[in-house]
C-alpha atoms as a PDB file:
ATOM      1  CA  MET A   1      88.929  98.229  91.966  1.00  0.00           C
ATOM      2  CA  ASP A   2      90.131 100.687  90.522  1.00  0.00           C
ATOM      3  CA  SER A   3      90.513 100.509  86.976  1.00  0.00           C
ATOM      4  CA  GLU A   4      93.505 102.837  86.758  1.00  0.00           C
ATOM      5  CA  ARG A   5      95.756 100.160  88.380  1.00  0.00           C
ATOM      6  CA  THR A   6      94.522  97.013  86.540  1.00  0.00           C
ATOM      7  CA  ALA A   7      94.016  94.977  83.444  1.00  0.00           C
ATOM      8  CA  LEU A   8      90.706  92.565  83.028  1.00  0.00           C
ATOM      9  CA  ILE A   9      91.089  88.943  81.709  1.00  0.00           C
ATOM     10  CA  ASN A  10      88.596  86.176  81.615  1.00  0.00           C
ATOM     11  CA  ILE A  11      89.222  82.999  83.453  1.00  0.00           C
ATOM     12  CA  GLY A  12      86.752  80.268  82.870  1.00  0.00           C
ATOM     13  CA  GLY A  13      83.987  82.611  81.973  1.00  0.00           C
ATOM     14  CA  GLU A  14      84.691  84.862  84.983  1.00  0.00           C
ATOM     15  CA  GLU A  15      86.432  88.234  84.598  1.00  0.00           C
ATOM     16  CA  TYR A  16      89.404  88.974  86.704  1.00  0.00           C
ATOM     17  CA  SER A  17      91.124  92.086  87.416  1.00  0.00           C
ATOM     18  CA  LEU A  18      95.068  91.548  86.880  1.00  0.00           C
ATOM     19  CA  VAL A  19      96.441  94.173  90.031  1.00  0.00           C
ATOM     20  CA  LEU A  20     100.097  94.751  90.802  1.00  0.00           C
ATOM     21  CA  THR A  21     100.230  95.240  94.449  1.00  0.00           C
ATOM     22  CA  THR A  22     103.102  95.731  97.398  1.00  0.00           C
ATOM     23  CA  LYS A  23     102.235  92.119  98.002  1.00  0.00           C
ATOM     24  CA  ALA A  24     102.569  90.749  94.535  1.00  0.00           C
ATOM     25  CA  THR A  25     105.775  92.576  94.092  1.00  0.00           C
ATOM     26  CA  LYS A  26     107.263  91.073  97.088  1.00  0.00           C
ATOM     27  CA  GLU A  27     106.587  87.472  95.278  1.00  0.00           C
ATOM     28  CA  ILE A  28     108.085  88.478  91.954  1.00  0.00           C
ATOM     29  CA  ALA A  29     111.131  89.476  93.869  1.00  0.00           C
ATOM     30  CA  LYS A  30     111.555  86.472  95.494  1.00  0.00           C
ATOM     31  CA  ARG A  31     110.751  84.735  92.511  1.00  0.00           C
ATOM     32  CA  TYR A  32     112.624  86.632  89.974  1.00  0.00           C
ATOM     33  CA  GLY A  33     115.322  88.780  91.729  1.00  0.00           C
ATOM     34  CA  GLY A  34     112.717  92.461  91.177  1.00  0.00           C
ATOM     35  CA  LEU A  35     110.508  93.621  88.508  1.00  0.00           C
ATOM     36  CA  SER A  36     113.396  94.700  86.087  1.00  0.00           C
ATOM     37  CA  ASN A  37     114.508  91.074  86.118  1.00  0.00           C
ATOM     38  CA  LEU A  38     110.581  89.712  85.263  1.00  0.00           C
ATOM     39  CA  GLY A  39     110.664  90.775  81.469  1.00  0.00           C
ATOM     40  CA  GLU A  40     114.080  89.278  80.774  1.00  0.00           C
ATOM     41  CA  LYS A  41     113.066  86.013  82.713  1.00  0.00           C
ATOM     42  CA  LEU A  42     109.799  85.811  80.339  1.00  0.00           C
ATOM     43  CA  MET A  43     112.167  86.223  77.562  1.00  0.00           C
ATOM     44  CA  LYS A  44     114.914  83.700  78.302  1.00  0.00           C
ATOM     45  CA  THR A  45     112.748  80.940  79.371  1.00  0.00           C
ATOM     46  CA  GLU A  46     114.653  77.626  78.280  1.00  0.00           C
ATOM     47  CA  ASN A  47     111.297  76.345  77.298  1.00  0.00           C
ATOM     48  CA  PHE A  48     108.170  76.303  76.255  1.00  0.00           C
ATOM     49  CA  GLU A  49     106.505  74.916  79.020  1.00  0.00           C
ATOM     50  CA  MET A  50     108.759  76.663  81.659  1.00  0.00           C
ATOM     51  CA  ALA A  51     107.140  79.774  79.725  1.00  0.00           C
ATOM     52  CA  LEU A  52     103.787  78.853  80.242  1.00  0.00           C
ATOM     53  CA  ASP A  53     104.761  78.039  83.846  1.00  0.00           C
ATOM     54  CA  GLU A  54     105.828  81.603  84.415  1.00  0.00           C
ATOM     55  CA  VAL A  55     102.898  83.122  82.813  1.00  0.00           C
ATOM     56  CA  VAL A  56     100.175  80.826  84.345  1.00  0.00           C
ATOM     57  CA  TRP A  57     102.477  81.787  87.679  1.00  0.00           C
ATOM     58  CA  LEU A  58     102.117  85.552  86.942  1.00  0.00           C
ATOM     59  CA  ILE A  59      98.063  85.551  86.304  1.00  0.00           C
ATOM     60  CA  THR A  60      97.383  83.164  88.971  1.00  0.00           C
ATOM     61  CA  LEU A  61      99.692  86.013  91.423  1.00  0.00           C
ATOM     62  CA  LEU A  62      98.183  89.254  90.107  1.00  0.00           C
ATOM     63  CA  ALA A  63      94.334  87.736  89.747  1.00  0.00           C
ATOM     64  CA  ASN A  64      94.577  86.430  93.179  1.00  0.00           C
ATOM     65  CA  GLN A  65      95.259  90.320  94.388  1.00  0.00           C
ATOM     66  CA  SER A  66      91.753  91.389  93.294  1.00  0.00           C
ATOM     67  CA  VAL A  67      90.834  88.760  95.085  1.00  0.00           C
ATOM     68  CA  LEU A  68      92.501  89.502  97.882  1.00  0.00           C
ATOM     69  CA  VAL A  69      91.309  93.229  98.002  1.00  0.00           C
ATOM     70  CA  HIS A  70      87.707  91.706  97.988  1.00  0.00           C
ATOM     71  CA  ASN A  71      87.884  89.397 100.631  1.00  0.00           C
ATOM     72  CA  LEU A  72      89.288  91.599 102.776  1.00  0.00           C
ATOM     73  CA  GLN A  73      87.070  94.789 102.038  1.00  0.00           C
ATOM     74  CA  SER A  74      83.950  92.224 101.864  1.00  0.00           C
ATOM     75  CA  PRO A  75      84.746  89.603 104.571  1.00  0.00           C
ATOM     76  CA  SER A  76      81.123  88.215 104.668  1.00  0.00           C
ATOM     77  CA  LYS A  77      81.424  88.072 100.660  1.00  0.00           C
ATOM     78  CA  LYS A  78      84.800  85.788 100.568  1.00  0.00           C
ATOM     79  CA  LYS A  79      85.702  84.675  97.320  1.00  0.00           C
ATOM     80  CA  SER A  80      87.771  81.641  96.352  1.00  0.00           C
ATOM     81  CA  LEU A  81      91.542  82.318  95.454  1.00  0.00           C
ATOM     82  CA  LEU A  82      92.620  81.093  92.254  1.00  0.00           C
ATOM     83  CA  THR A  83      95.363  77.926  92.326  1.00  0.00           C
ATOM     84  CA  VAL A  84      97.876  77.284  89.348  1.00  0.00           C
ATOM     85  CA  GLU A  85      96.089  73.783  88.315  1.00  0.00           C
ATOM     86  CA  SER A  86      92.604  76.251  88.089  1.00  0.00           C
ATOM     87  CA  VAL A  87      94.133  78.527  85.762  1.00  0.00           C
ATOM     88  CA  GLU A  88      96.040  75.833  83.812  1.00  0.00           C
ATOM     89  CA  LEU A  89      92.678  74.104  83.272  1.00  0.00           C
ATOM     90  CA  LEU A  90      90.203  76.974  82.117  1.00  0.00           C
ATOM     91  CA  THR A  91      92.694  78.665  79.529  1.00  0.00           C
ATOM     92  CA  SER A  92      94.340  77.760  76.691  1.00  0.00           C
ATOM     93  CA  PRO A  93      97.869  78.677  75.866  1.00  0.00           C
ATOM     94  CA  PHE A  94      95.818  81.207  72.675  1.00  0.00           C
ATOM     95  CA  GLU A  95      94.458  82.874  75.349  1.00  0.00           C
ATOM     96  CA  LEU A  96      97.914  83.517  77.468  1.00  0.00           C
ATOM     97  CA  ALA A  97      99.092  84.811  74.840  1.00  0.00           C
ATOM     98  CA  ASP A  98      96.768  87.681  75.182  1.00  0.00           C
ATOM     99  CA  TYR A  99      96.843  87.453  78.783  1.00  0.00           C
ATOM    100  CA  LYS A 100     101.098  88.155  78.631  1.00  0.00           C
ATOM    101  CA  ASN A 101      99.040  91.983  77.372  1.00  0.00           C
ATOM    102  CA  ALA A 102      96.941  92.082  80.386  1.00  0.00           C
ATOM    103  CA  ILE A 103     100.240  91.330  82.627  1.00  0.00           C
ATOM    104  CA  MET A 104     102.401  93.767  81.207  1.00  0.00           C
ATOM    105  CA  GLU A 105      99.355  96.804  81.437  1.00  0.00           C
ATOM    106  CA  ALA A 106      99.072  95.691  84.735  1.00  0.00           C
ATOM    107  CA  MET A 107     102.706  95.894  85.897  1.00  0.00           C
ATOM    108  CA  TYR A 108     102.942  99.502  83.890  1.00  0.00           C
ATOM    109  CA  LYS A 109      99.679 100.704  85.461  1.00  0.00           C
ATOM    110  CA  GLY A 110     100.811  99.256  88.901  1.00  0.00           C
ATOM    111  CA  THR A 111     104.834 100.931  88.223  1.00  0.00           C
ATOM    112  CA  LYS A 112     103.162 104.129  86.994  1.00  0.00           C
ATOM    113  CA  ARG A 113     103.943 107.411  88.442  1.00  0.00           C
ATOM    114  CA  GLU A 114     102.171 110.628  88.081  1.00  0.00           C
ATOM    115  CA  VAL A 115     104.283 113.900  89.033  1.00  0.00           C
ATOM    116  CA  GLU A 116     102.167 116.915  89.081  1.00  0.00           C
ATOM    117  CA  SER A 117     104.501 119.682  89.743  1.00  0.00           C
ATOM    118  CA  GLU A 118     103.171 122.954  91.694  1.00  0.00           C
ATOM    119  CA  GLU A 119     104.003 126.223  89.892  1.00  0.00           C
ATOM    120  CA  GLU A 120     105.792 128.159  92.142  1.00  0.00           C
ATOM    121  CA  ALA A 121     107.679 131.308  91.863  1.00  0.00           C
ATOM    122  CA  SER A 122     111.410 130.673  91.146  1.00  0.00           C
ATOM    123  CA  LYS A 123     113.879 131.341  93.685  1.00  0.00           C
ATOM    124  CA  ASN A 124     116.154 133.605  91.755  1.00  0.00           C
ATOM    125  CA  ALA A 125     112.692 136.001  91.166  1.00  0.00           C
ATOM    126  CA  LEU A 126     113.061 139.694  92.070  1.00  0.00           C
ATOM    127  CA  VAL A 127     110.547 140.238  94.695  1.00  0.00           C
ATOM    128  CA  GLY A 128     108.830 143.367  93.786  1.00  0.00           C
END
């Protein structure tokens, strides 16, 4: 997977790439009403348990995107998808704090726009 689009985390001794895909963006939009509402929802979560639930859900969603891409590209070597329960069992609350940074990195990389402008003669320039 392209490292310019991913953030790496380790869950239960296995490395996963968090990646924001169009599919993940649609799931986030269903749950939060859009990417712009995600940060606000995470910051204003009423209690610690709900905050953990949201972070675990996002980790599972974003990590599974790289698994789904792998399974699409290598159908004979399919990997199992993570579940919310497996992420809860294989992580600690301390690790989740680090994973929040990886989530933000994956979101940033997934929404980053690289704009290149071509040099062209000004429309008002005199042609000699």
